N, C-alpha and C. Protein backbone atom coordinates (compact mmCIF):
# COMPACT_ATOMS: atom_id res chain seq x y z
N MET A 1 86.45 101.17 48.90
CA MET A 1 86.43 101.71 50.38
C MET A 1 85.85 100.75 51.24
N SER A 2 84.67 100.00 50.91
CA SER A 2 83.93 99.41 51.81
C SER A 2 84.45 97.92 52.15
N LEU A 3 84.43 97.58 53.65
CA LEU A 3 84.78 96.14 53.73
C LEU A 3 83.54 95.44 53.45
N SER A 4 82.65 95.21 54.64
CA SER A 4 81.28 94.10 54.55
C SER A 4 80.02 95.36 54.27
N GLY A 5 80.08 96.57 54.63
CA GLY A 5 79.22 97.19 54.49
C GLY A 5 78.00 97.15 55.50
N ARG A 6 78.81 96.73 56.85
CA ARG A 6 77.82 96.52 58.00
C ARG A 6 77.19 97.83 58.46
N LEU A 7 77.88 99.21 58.24
CA LEU A 7 77.07 100.13 58.51
C LEU A 7 76.31 101.08 57.78
N GLU A 8 76.01 100.32 56.67
CA GLU A 8 75.58 101.25 55.66
C GLU A 8 74.23 101.67 55.80
N GLY A 9 73.65 103.09 55.69
CA GLY A 9 72.64 103.77 55.87
C GLY A 9 72.56 104.00 57.46
N LYS A 10 73.67 103.65 58.34
CA LYS A 10 73.75 104.38 59.37
C LYS A 10 74.76 105.62 59.72
N VAL A 11 74.22 106.48 60.62
CA VAL A 11 74.72 107.75 60.98
C VAL A 11 75.83 107.59 62.43
N CYS A 12 76.96 108.02 62.48
CA CYS A 12 77.55 107.75 63.57
C CYS A 12 78.44 108.83 64.10
N ILE A 13 78.14 109.19 65.17
CA ILE A 13 79.02 110.27 66.07
C ILE A 13 80.09 109.59 66.83
N VAL A 14 81.29 110.08 66.72
CA VAL A 14 82.83 109.54 67.33
C VAL A 14 83.10 110.64 67.93
N THR A 15 83.20 110.82 69.17
CA THR A 15 83.94 111.83 69.95
C THR A 15 85.52 111.43 70.16
N GLY A 16 85.94 112.69 70.17
CA GLY A 16 87.77 112.58 70.20
C GLY A 16 88.21 111.81 68.98
N ALA A 17 87.32 111.86 68.03
CA ALA A 17 87.79 111.27 66.62
C ALA A 17 89.04 111.86 65.77
N SER A 18 89.73 113.13 66.31
CA SER A 18 90.71 113.71 65.56
C SER A 18 91.98 113.01 65.60
N SER A 19 92.18 112.10 66.64
CA SER A 19 93.40 111.31 66.66
C SER A 19 93.15 110.12 67.21
N GLY A 20 94.31 109.64 67.56
CA GLY A 20 94.37 108.10 68.14
C GLY A 20 93.42 107.15 68.00
N ILE A 21 93.07 106.48 69.14
CA ILE A 21 91.77 105.53 68.73
C ILE A 21 90.74 106.11 68.18
N GLY A 22 90.19 107.31 68.47
CA GLY A 22 88.96 107.96 67.72
C GLY A 22 89.08 107.97 66.37
N SER A 23 89.91 108.62 65.68
CA SER A 23 90.29 108.59 64.48
C SER A 23 90.02 107.30 63.80
N GLY A 24 90.95 106.19 64.31
CA GLY A 24 90.87 104.67 63.81
C GLY A 24 89.26 104.29 63.84
N ILE A 25 88.77 104.56 64.97
CA ILE A 25 87.07 104.31 64.66
C ILE A 25 86.33 105.07 63.99
N ALA A 26 86.55 106.26 63.54
CA ALA A 26 85.92 106.85 62.68
C ALA A 26 86.44 106.39 61.25
N GLU A 27 87.30 106.05 60.90
CA GLU A 27 88.00 105.52 59.71
C GLU A 27 87.26 104.15 59.21
N LEU A 28 87.38 103.44 60.48
CA LEU A 28 86.79 102.07 60.20
C LEU A 28 85.32 102.15 60.02
N PHE A 29 84.55 103.00 60.57
CA PHE A 29 83.10 103.26 60.47
C PHE A 29 82.86 103.66 58.74
N ALA A 30 83.64 104.51 58.46
CA ALA A 30 83.54 104.92 56.95
C ALA A 30 83.76 103.94 56.08
N ARG A 31 84.73 102.97 56.41
CA ARG A 31 84.99 102.00 55.30
C ARG A 31 83.97 100.67 55.44
N GLU A 32 83.07 100.80 56.56
CA GLU A 32 81.63 99.83 56.69
C GLU A 32 80.64 100.77 56.52
N CYS A 33 80.83 101.79 55.51
CA CYS A 33 79.78 102.48 54.92
C CYS A 33 78.71 103.24 55.64
N GLY A 34 79.48 103.69 56.83
CA GLY A 34 78.75 104.53 57.84
C GLY A 34 79.08 106.10 57.51
N SER A 35 77.91 106.93 57.73
CA SER A 35 78.28 108.17 57.62
C SER A 35 78.87 108.74 59.10
N VAL A 36 79.91 109.41 58.96
CA VAL A 36 80.62 109.78 60.25
C VAL A 36 80.84 111.12 60.55
N ILE A 37 80.42 111.23 61.73
CA ILE A 37 80.63 113.05 62.39
C ILE A 37 81.96 112.87 63.23
N ILE A 38 82.87 113.59 62.72
CA ILE A 38 83.90 113.45 63.75
C ILE A 38 83.82 114.73 64.47
N ALA A 39 83.93 114.35 65.65
CA ALA A 39 83.52 115.17 66.91
C ALA A 39 84.56 115.55 67.76
N ASP A 40 85.26 116.86 67.81
CA ASP A 40 86.37 116.93 68.93
C ASP A 40 86.49 118.48 68.97
N ILE A 41 87.26 118.88 70.13
CA ILE A 41 87.56 120.21 69.90
C ILE A 41 88.89 120.75 69.23
N GLN A 42 89.67 119.61 68.45
CA GLN A 42 90.89 120.11 67.64
C GLN A 42 90.30 119.93 66.28
N GLU A 43 90.25 121.43 65.83
CA GLU A 43 89.19 121.72 64.80
C GLU A 43 90.08 121.33 63.28
N GLN A 44 91.46 121.80 63.55
CA GLN A 44 92.30 121.44 62.40
C GLN A 44 92.59 119.84 61.96
N ARG A 45 92.83 119.34 63.17
CA ARG A 45 92.88 117.83 62.87
C ARG A 45 91.79 117.44 62.50
N GLY A 46 90.67 117.53 63.29
CA GLY A 46 89.64 117.09 62.86
C GLY A 46 89.10 116.99 61.61
N GLN A 47 89.03 118.34 61.07
CA GLN A 47 89.11 118.58 59.41
C GLN A 47 89.68 117.79 58.73
N GLU A 48 91.15 117.54 59.13
CA GLU A 48 91.76 116.51 58.21
C GLU A 48 91.32 115.30 58.15
N VAL A 49 91.04 114.69 59.49
CA VAL A 49 90.41 113.46 59.11
C VAL A 49 89.27 113.31 58.68
N ALA A 50 88.21 114.23 58.60
CA ALA A 50 87.23 114.03 57.62
C ALA A 50 87.50 114.15 56.30
N GLN A 51 88.50 115.15 55.94
CA GLN A 51 88.71 115.18 54.56
C GLN A 51 89.52 114.09 54.01
N SER A 52 90.09 113.43 54.93
CA SER A 52 90.85 112.17 54.24
C SER A 52 90.10 110.84 54.30
N ILE A 53 89.01 110.80 55.06
CA ILE A 53 87.71 109.75 54.64
C ILE A 53 87.08 110.09 53.48
N ALA A 54 86.80 111.46 53.34
CA ALA A 54 86.25 111.87 51.99
C ALA A 54 86.92 111.28 50.83
N GLY A 55 88.28 111.72 51.18
CA GLY A 55 89.19 111.11 50.14
C GLY A 55 89.29 109.75 49.53
N GLU A 56 88.74 109.22 50.44
CA GLU A 56 88.48 107.60 50.40
C GLU A 56 87.49 106.98 49.81
N GLN A 57 86.37 108.10 49.49
CA GLN A 57 85.12 107.93 48.94
C GLN A 57 84.09 107.40 50.16
N GLY A 58 84.61 107.94 51.67
CA GLY A 58 83.79 107.90 52.66
C GLY A 58 82.68 108.88 52.88
N VAL A 59 82.12 109.09 53.64
CA VAL A 59 81.14 109.90 54.19
C VAL A 59 81.57 110.39 55.41
N ALA A 60 82.02 111.74 55.29
CA ALA A 60 82.21 112.36 56.87
C ALA A 60 82.21 113.57 57.21
N SER A 61 82.29 114.28 58.11
CA SER A 61 81.94 115.77 58.47
C SER A 61 82.54 116.24 59.64
N PHE A 62 83.16 117.39 59.96
CA PHE A 62 83.61 117.46 61.54
C PHE A 62 82.50 118.48 62.17
N PHE A 63 82.47 118.12 63.37
CA PHE A 63 81.84 119.32 64.03
C PHE A 63 82.58 119.41 65.57
N ARG A 64 82.75 120.93 65.69
CA ARG A 64 83.75 121.05 66.94
C ARG A 64 82.58 120.34 68.24
N LEU A 65 83.12 120.02 68.87
CA LEU A 65 82.11 119.48 70.08
C LEU A 65 83.01 119.42 71.53
N ASP A 66 82.59 120.32 72.52
CA ASP A 66 83.05 119.83 73.77
C ASP A 66 82.56 119.20 74.67
N VAL A 67 82.82 117.92 74.79
CA VAL A 67 81.88 116.95 75.53
C VAL A 67 81.63 117.45 76.74
N SER A 68 82.25 118.23 77.32
CA SER A 68 82.03 118.25 78.88
C SER A 68 80.89 119.64 78.92
N ASP A 69 80.39 120.27 77.58
CA ASP A 69 79.63 121.12 77.55
C ASP A 69 78.13 120.82 77.24
N GLU A 70 77.13 121.10 78.02
CA GLU A 70 75.91 120.61 77.55
C GLU A 70 75.26 120.97 76.19
N ALA A 71 75.16 122.51 76.19
CA ALA A 71 74.95 123.12 75.00
C ALA A 71 75.74 122.76 73.52
N SER A 72 76.99 122.31 73.88
CA SER A 72 77.69 121.82 72.51
C SER A 72 77.06 120.44 72.29
N TRP A 73 76.62 119.65 73.05
CA TRP A 73 76.05 118.22 72.94
C TRP A 73 74.65 118.60 72.34
N GLN A 74 73.81 119.55 72.45
CA GLN A 74 72.52 119.74 71.62
C GLN A 74 72.56 120.39 70.27
N GLU A 75 73.61 120.92 70.14
CA GLU A 75 74.14 121.49 68.91
C GLU A 75 74.59 120.37 67.91
N ILE A 76 75.60 119.48 68.49
CA ILE A 76 75.89 118.35 67.50
C ILE A 76 74.50 117.56 67.33
N ILE A 77 73.64 117.31 68.25
CA ILE A 77 72.79 116.32 67.79
C ILE A 77 71.75 117.24 66.70
N GLU A 78 71.66 118.31 66.88
CA GLU A 78 70.63 119.26 66.08
C GLU A 78 71.31 119.34 64.92
N TYR A 79 72.71 119.33 64.55
CA TYR A 79 73.06 119.36 63.29
C TYR A 79 73.24 118.16 62.63
N THR A 80 73.32 116.96 63.50
CA THR A 80 73.58 115.79 62.91
C THR A 80 72.10 115.26 62.08
N LEU A 81 70.68 115.42 63.01
CA LEU A 81 69.63 115.25 62.45
C LEU A 81 69.30 116.09 61.36
N LYS A 82 69.67 117.42 61.57
CA LYS A 82 69.45 118.53 60.00
C LYS A 82 70.24 117.78 58.86
N THR A 83 71.44 117.30 59.13
CA THR A 83 72.44 117.10 57.76
C THR A 83 72.16 115.73 57.30
N TYR A 84 71.86 114.84 58.28
CA TYR A 84 71.93 113.20 57.80
C TYR A 84 70.35 112.53 58.28
N GLY A 85 69.75 113.45 58.89
CA GLY A 85 68.28 112.84 59.34
C GLY A 85 67.88 111.87 60.54
N ARG A 86 69.10 111.25 61.24
CA ARG A 86 69.10 110.31 62.18
C ARG A 86 70.37 110.38 62.73
N ILE A 87 70.25 109.27 63.86
CA ILE A 87 71.66 108.95 64.55
C ILE A 87 71.56 107.75 65.13
N ASP A 88 72.27 106.83 64.43
CA ASP A 88 72.27 105.29 64.82
C ASP A 88 73.23 105.03 65.83
N VAL A 89 74.54 105.52 65.87
CA VAL A 89 75.41 105.11 66.98
C VAL A 89 76.14 106.30 67.49
N LEU A 90 76.47 106.23 68.65
CA LEU A 90 77.15 107.34 69.07
C LEU A 90 78.52 106.36 69.96
N VAL A 91 79.77 106.82 69.98
CA VAL A 91 80.87 106.19 70.46
C VAL A 91 81.33 107.69 71.22
N ASN A 92 81.23 107.31 72.58
CA ASN A 92 82.08 108.10 73.86
C ASN A 92 83.37 107.66 73.74
N ASN A 93 84.39 108.36 73.31
CA ASN A 93 85.88 108.15 72.86
C ASN A 93 86.42 108.97 73.67
N ALA A 94 85.83 110.23 73.69
CA ALA A 94 86.98 111.57 74.11
C ALA A 94 87.53 111.44 75.34
N GLY A 95 88.70 111.48 75.92
CA GLY A 95 89.12 111.35 77.19
C GLY A 95 90.26 112.12 77.52
N ILE A 96 90.71 112.32 78.78
CA ILE A 96 92.10 112.72 78.93
C ILE A 96 92.47 112.41 80.29
N GLY A 97 93.94 112.33 80.49
CA GLY A 97 94.32 111.67 81.72
C GLY A 97 96.01 112.54 81.86
N PHE A 98 96.33 111.94 83.12
CA PHE A 98 97.70 112.77 83.45
C PHE A 98 98.02 111.73 84.63
N VAL A 99 99.48 111.89 84.78
CA VAL A 99 100.24 110.89 85.73
C VAL A 99 100.77 111.65 86.78
N LYS A 100 100.00 111.23 88.07
CA LYS A 100 100.52 112.11 89.08
C LYS A 100 100.11 111.45 90.37
N PRO A 101 100.72 111.26 91.33
CA PRO A 101 100.19 110.49 92.67
C PRO A 101 99.16 111.31 93.25
N ILE A 102 98.51 110.32 93.79
CA ILE A 102 97.19 110.83 94.34
C ILE A 102 97.10 112.22 95.39
N LEU A 103 98.37 112.28 96.13
CA LEU A 103 98.33 113.25 97.27
C LEU A 103 98.85 114.63 96.55
N GLU A 104 99.33 114.23 95.14
CA GLU A 104 100.03 115.57 94.67
C GLU A 104 98.81 116.02 93.80
N THR A 105 97.93 115.32 93.39
CA THR A 105 96.85 115.64 92.53
C THR A 105 95.78 116.51 93.32
N THR A 106 95.89 117.77 92.36
CA THR A 106 94.64 119.14 92.81
C THR A 106 93.29 118.83 92.59
N ILE A 107 92.41 119.36 93.25
CA ILE A 107 90.85 119.41 92.97
C ILE A 107 90.70 119.72 91.55
N ALA A 108 91.30 120.61 90.98
CA ALA A 108 90.95 120.93 89.68
C ALA A 108 91.36 120.35 88.58
N GLU A 109 92.37 119.41 89.03
CA GLU A 109 92.99 118.28 87.89
C GLU A 109 91.99 117.18 88.10
N TRP A 110 91.65 116.57 89.40
CA TRP A 110 90.48 115.70 89.54
C TRP A 110 89.30 115.95 88.52
N ARG A 111 88.80 117.25 88.98
CA ARG A 111 87.74 117.49 88.33
C ARG A 111 87.63 117.50 87.01
N ARG A 112 88.64 118.10 86.22
CA ARG A 112 88.76 118.17 84.86
C ARG A 112 88.69 116.88 84.23
N VAL A 113 89.61 115.70 84.73
CA VAL A 113 89.54 114.41 84.16
C VAL A 113 87.91 114.11 84.46
N MET A 114 87.19 114.09 85.79
CA MET A 114 85.73 113.51 85.86
C MET A 114 84.63 114.29 84.66
N LYS A 115 84.92 115.60 84.43
CA LYS A 115 84.40 116.43 83.47
C LYS A 115 84.39 115.87 82.21
N ILE A 116 85.49 115.68 81.78
CA ILE A 116 85.55 114.99 80.34
C ILE A 116 85.43 113.61 80.22
N ASN A 117 85.96 112.82 80.94
CA ASN A 117 85.89 111.25 80.78
C ASN A 117 84.53 110.54 81.40
N MET A 118 83.96 111.19 82.34
CA MET A 118 82.80 110.72 82.68
C MET A 118 81.45 111.60 82.61
N GLU A 119 81.54 112.76 83.04
CA GLU A 119 80.31 113.92 82.60
C GLU A 119 80.34 113.86 81.12
N GLY A 120 81.21 113.90 80.17
CA GLY A 120 81.14 113.69 78.61
C GLY A 120 80.08 112.78 78.16
N VAL A 121 80.54 111.58 78.95
CA VAL A 121 79.56 110.29 78.44
C VAL A 121 78.22 110.28 79.25
N PHE A 122 77.92 110.86 80.28
CA PHE A 122 76.78 111.19 80.80
C PHE A 122 75.78 112.14 80.04
N LEU A 123 76.41 113.05 79.39
CA LEU A 123 75.82 114.34 78.43
C LEU A 123 75.45 113.52 76.96
N GLY A 124 76.40 112.73 76.50
CA GLY A 124 76.22 112.47 75.27
C GLY A 124 75.05 111.34 75.20
N VAL A 125 75.20 110.19 76.45
CA VAL A 125 73.84 109.63 76.51
C VAL A 125 72.90 110.34 76.56
N ARG A 126 72.63 111.09 77.35
CA ARG A 126 71.52 112.02 77.41
C ARG A 126 71.12 112.73 76.55
N ALA A 127 71.75 113.08 75.67
CA ALA A 127 71.49 113.98 74.14
C ALA A 127 71.09 112.92 73.15
N ALA A 128 71.87 111.70 72.84
CA ALA A 128 71.64 110.97 71.73
C ALA A 128 70.60 110.08 72.13
N VAL A 129 70.10 109.74 73.06
CA VAL A 129 69.02 108.61 73.36
C VAL A 129 67.49 109.32 72.58
N PRO A 130 67.05 110.55 73.09
CA PRO A 130 66.06 110.99 72.40
C PRO A 130 66.01 110.86 70.91
N ALA A 131 67.06 111.25 70.35
CA ALA A 131 67.30 111.03 68.81
C ALA A 131 66.91 109.57 68.28
N MET A 132 67.85 108.62 69.05
CA MET A 132 67.77 107.12 68.71
C MET A 132 66.48 106.78 68.63
N ARG A 133 65.49 107.27 69.80
CA ARG A 133 64.22 106.98 70.03
C ARG A 133 63.27 107.08 68.90
N ARG A 134 63.63 107.94 68.08
CA ARG A 134 62.89 108.58 66.83
C ARG A 134 63.08 107.43 65.61
N ASN A 135 63.85 106.54 65.77
CA ASN A 135 64.54 105.48 64.66
C ASN A 135 63.43 104.51 64.37
N ALA A 136 62.14 104.52 64.53
CA ALA A 136 60.97 103.77 64.09
C ALA A 136 61.11 102.46 64.52
N GLY A 137 61.61 102.35 65.88
CA GLY A 137 61.69 101.30 66.57
C GLY A 137 62.92 100.46 66.51
N ARG A 138 64.03 101.11 65.43
CA ARG A 138 65.34 100.10 65.30
C ARG A 138 66.24 100.87 66.39
N GLY A 139 65.91 101.61 67.49
CA GLY A 139 66.73 101.84 68.29
C GLY A 139 68.46 102.33 67.62
N GLY A 140 69.18 101.96 68.78
CA GLY A 140 70.61 102.37 67.92
C GLY A 140 71.62 101.77 69.00
N SER A 141 72.98 102.12 69.06
CA SER A 141 73.79 101.57 69.77
C SER A 141 75.07 102.68 70.15
N ILE A 142 75.10 102.57 71.56
CA ILE A 142 75.93 103.40 72.30
C ILE A 142 77.10 102.68 72.61
N ILE A 143 78.07 103.19 72.29
CA ILE A 143 79.50 102.66 72.99
C ILE A 143 80.55 103.69 73.45
N ASN A 144 80.74 103.22 74.87
CA ASN A 144 81.56 104.07 75.72
C ASN A 144 82.84 103.37 75.88
N VAL A 145 83.83 104.19 75.71
CA VAL A 145 85.18 103.63 75.86
C VAL A 145 85.91 103.72 77.31
N SER A 146 86.10 102.65 77.82
CA SER A 146 86.63 102.98 79.29
C SER A 146 88.28 102.42 78.82
N SER A 147 88.67 101.66 79.88
CA SER A 147 90.01 101.21 79.64
C SER A 147 90.54 100.14 80.50
N ASN A 148 91.39 99.11 80.18
CA ASN A 148 91.61 97.96 80.98
C ASN A 148 92.27 98.44 82.16
N ILE A 149 92.75 99.67 82.32
CA ILE A 149 93.33 100.14 83.56
C ILE A 149 92.76 99.77 84.73
N VAL A 150 91.34 99.82 84.53
CA VAL A 150 90.29 99.73 85.50
C VAL A 150 90.69 98.09 86.42
N MET A 151 90.79 97.34 85.38
CA MET A 151 90.73 96.26 85.75
C MET A 151 92.58 95.83 86.38
N VAL A 152 93.31 96.35 85.89
CA VAL A 152 94.88 96.21 86.23
C VAL A 152 95.27 97.70 86.51
N PRO A 153 94.95 98.43 87.89
CA PRO A 153 95.28 99.86 88.38
C PRO A 153 96.70 100.18 88.10
N SER A 154 97.09 101.03 88.11
CA SER A 154 98.68 101.65 87.87
C SER A 154 98.66 102.96 88.80
N ALA A 155 99.61 102.79 89.69
CA ALA A 155 100.11 103.89 90.68
C ALA A 155 100.18 105.24 89.62
N THR A 156 99.72 106.51 90.17
CA THR A 156 99.78 107.63 89.47
C THR A 156 98.76 107.79 88.73
N GLN A 157 97.56 106.97 88.29
CA GLN A 157 96.76 107.07 87.64
C GLN A 157 95.29 107.15 88.06
N GLY A 158 95.09 107.60 89.38
CA GLY A 158 93.87 107.73 90.18
C GLY A 158 92.89 108.25 89.31
N ALA A 159 92.95 109.80 88.99
CA ALA A 159 91.92 110.09 88.68
C ALA A 159 91.32 109.48 87.26
N TYR A 160 92.35 109.10 86.17
CA TYR A 160 91.70 108.36 85.24
C TYR A 160 91.27 107.01 85.54
N CYS A 161 91.90 106.27 86.32
CA CYS A 161 91.33 105.07 86.66
C CYS A 161 89.88 105.41 87.31
N ALA A 162 89.67 106.15 88.02
CA ALA A 162 88.26 106.54 88.71
C ALA A 162 87.19 106.71 87.87
N SER A 163 87.71 107.65 86.79
CA SER A 163 86.85 108.20 85.75
C SER A 163 86.54 107.00 84.98
N LYS A 164 87.38 106.10 84.35
CA LYS A 164 87.07 105.19 83.53
C LYS A 164 86.33 103.95 84.25
N SER A 165 86.52 103.82 85.46
CA SER A 165 85.59 102.73 86.20
C SER A 165 84.12 103.22 86.21
N ALA A 166 84.01 104.54 86.45
CA ALA A 166 82.61 105.04 86.69
C ALA A 166 82.10 105.15 84.99
N VAL A 167 82.73 105.13 84.28
CA VAL A 167 82.20 104.85 82.88
C VAL A 167 81.65 103.49 82.60
N GLY A 168 82.26 102.55 83.20
CA GLY A 168 81.87 101.21 83.11
C GLY A 168 80.55 100.64 83.75
N ALA A 169 80.42 101.21 84.96
CA ALA A 169 79.30 101.27 85.87
C ALA A 169 77.99 102.12 85.42
N PHE A 170 78.49 103.18 84.78
CA PHE A 170 77.24 104.04 84.23
C PHE A 170 76.62 103.50 83.01
N SER A 171 77.34 103.04 81.99
CA SER A 171 76.80 101.94 80.94
C SER A 171 75.79 100.80 81.19
N LYS A 172 76.33 100.16 82.44
CA LYS A 172 75.62 99.03 82.72
C LYS A 172 73.93 99.55 83.17
N VAL A 173 73.95 100.64 83.79
CA VAL A 173 72.88 101.32 84.23
C VAL A 173 71.83 101.73 82.90
N ALA A 174 72.66 102.41 82.21
CA ALA A 174 71.90 102.80 80.57
C ALA A 174 71.40 101.64 79.71
N ALA A 175 72.46 100.88 79.96
CA ALA A 175 71.97 99.29 79.04
C ALA A 175 70.52 99.09 79.40
N ILE A 176 70.42 98.94 80.97
CA ILE A 176 69.36 98.58 81.55
C ILE A 176 68.01 99.29 81.16
N GLU A 177 68.23 100.45 81.47
CA GLU A 177 67.28 101.78 81.24
C GLU A 177 66.80 101.94 79.99
N PHE A 178 67.56 101.82 78.82
CA PHE A 178 67.46 102.06 77.45
C PHE A 178 67.15 100.46 76.57
N ALA A 179 67.29 99.35 77.27
CA ALA A 179 67.03 98.34 76.43
C ALA A 179 65.63 98.07 75.77
N GLN A 180 64.62 98.74 76.53
CA GLN A 180 63.14 98.55 76.13
C GLN A 180 62.93 99.75 74.68
N ASP A 181 63.97 100.58 74.54
CA ASP A 181 64.01 101.32 73.27
C ASP A 181 64.80 100.75 72.36
N HIS A 182 65.09 99.59 72.54
CA HIS A 182 66.17 98.96 71.27
C HIS A 182 67.54 99.50 71.02
N ILE A 183 68.13 100.36 72.37
CA ILE A 183 69.31 100.80 72.35
C ILE A 183 70.14 100.22 73.21
N ARG A 184 71.10 99.65 72.54
CA ARG A 184 72.25 98.83 73.01
C ARG A 184 73.41 99.98 73.99
N VAL A 185 73.64 99.67 74.73
CA VAL A 185 74.86 100.31 75.49
C VAL A 185 76.00 99.65 76.00
N ASN A 186 77.04 99.54 75.36
CA ASN A 186 78.25 98.83 75.55
C ASN A 186 79.51 99.63 76.11
N THR A 187 80.42 98.98 76.70
CA THR A 187 81.64 99.70 77.25
C THR A 187 82.58 98.74 76.78
N VAL A 188 83.77 99.09 75.99
CA VAL A 188 84.89 98.30 75.44
C VAL A 188 86.05 98.97 76.57
N TYR A 189 87.06 98.15 76.75
CA TYR A 189 88.02 98.31 77.77
C TYR A 189 89.46 98.04 76.69
N PRO A 190 90.08 98.85 76.08
CA PRO A 190 91.19 98.87 75.49
C PRO A 190 92.36 98.82 76.40
N GLY A 191 93.19 98.17 75.83
CA GLY A 191 94.69 98.13 76.34
C GLY A 191 95.34 99.34 76.32
N PHE A 192 96.99 99.42 76.42
CA PHE A 192 97.77 100.41 76.06
C PHE A 192 97.67 100.52 74.37
N VAL A 193 97.49 101.79 73.89
CA VAL A 193 97.74 101.78 72.53
C VAL A 193 98.44 103.07 72.32
N GLU A 194 99.39 103.05 71.40
CA GLU A 194 100.49 104.23 71.23
C GLU A 194 99.74 105.29 70.59
N THR A 195 99.06 106.05 71.39
CA THR A 195 98.69 107.31 70.77
C THR A 195 99.10 108.64 71.51
N ALA A 196 98.41 109.96 71.24
CA ALA A 196 98.96 111.00 71.83
C ALA A 196 98.98 111.23 73.43
N ILE A 197 97.70 110.35 73.82
CA ILE A 197 97.41 110.67 75.31
C ILE A 197 98.62 109.77 76.40
N LEU A 198 99.43 108.94 75.57
CA LEU A 198 100.40 108.33 76.26
C LEU A 198 101.39 109.27 76.59
N ASP A 199 101.66 110.57 75.76
CA ASP A 199 102.79 111.51 75.97
C ASP A 199 102.41 112.23 77.16
């Protein structure tokens, strides 16, 4: 199953990993010999992804994570440390979006997107960094998934675009703050990918 084994001995949490880009990331990490925690609120699909990876001789487990809930983050950190002994990589990939003009967007819809797409990243970073600091000076890697829509905005995507722009700015600050801990924080900006979120 292994490609180059670049993640051998590494423990990786991937949010939103039950489908789409997240499941693709998790599968690739497993092929690179990483131990992967499939973190998502979609339990059945998440279990299927974990089982599929295990069926290919990879190491994966599922954990139900609500990225907008602080207590849920503490639970997955505790589970990962207890099960695998360390955390090396966090991919904040979970996200939602909808298509609606600004003047038709309700405050509840706006806040829900911000809570998952932006607050979820904040909570994930805040939960993972203390665990990564325990890695005997080897730090870790945090990858926050934004979108290229922040460079080429689209009408009717106000909340999504704003949330993903915030992810990029926040990541730059986090990268500066945690550099002394040897924790890298990067943002990736995928283009359109044919996944369920486009529906």
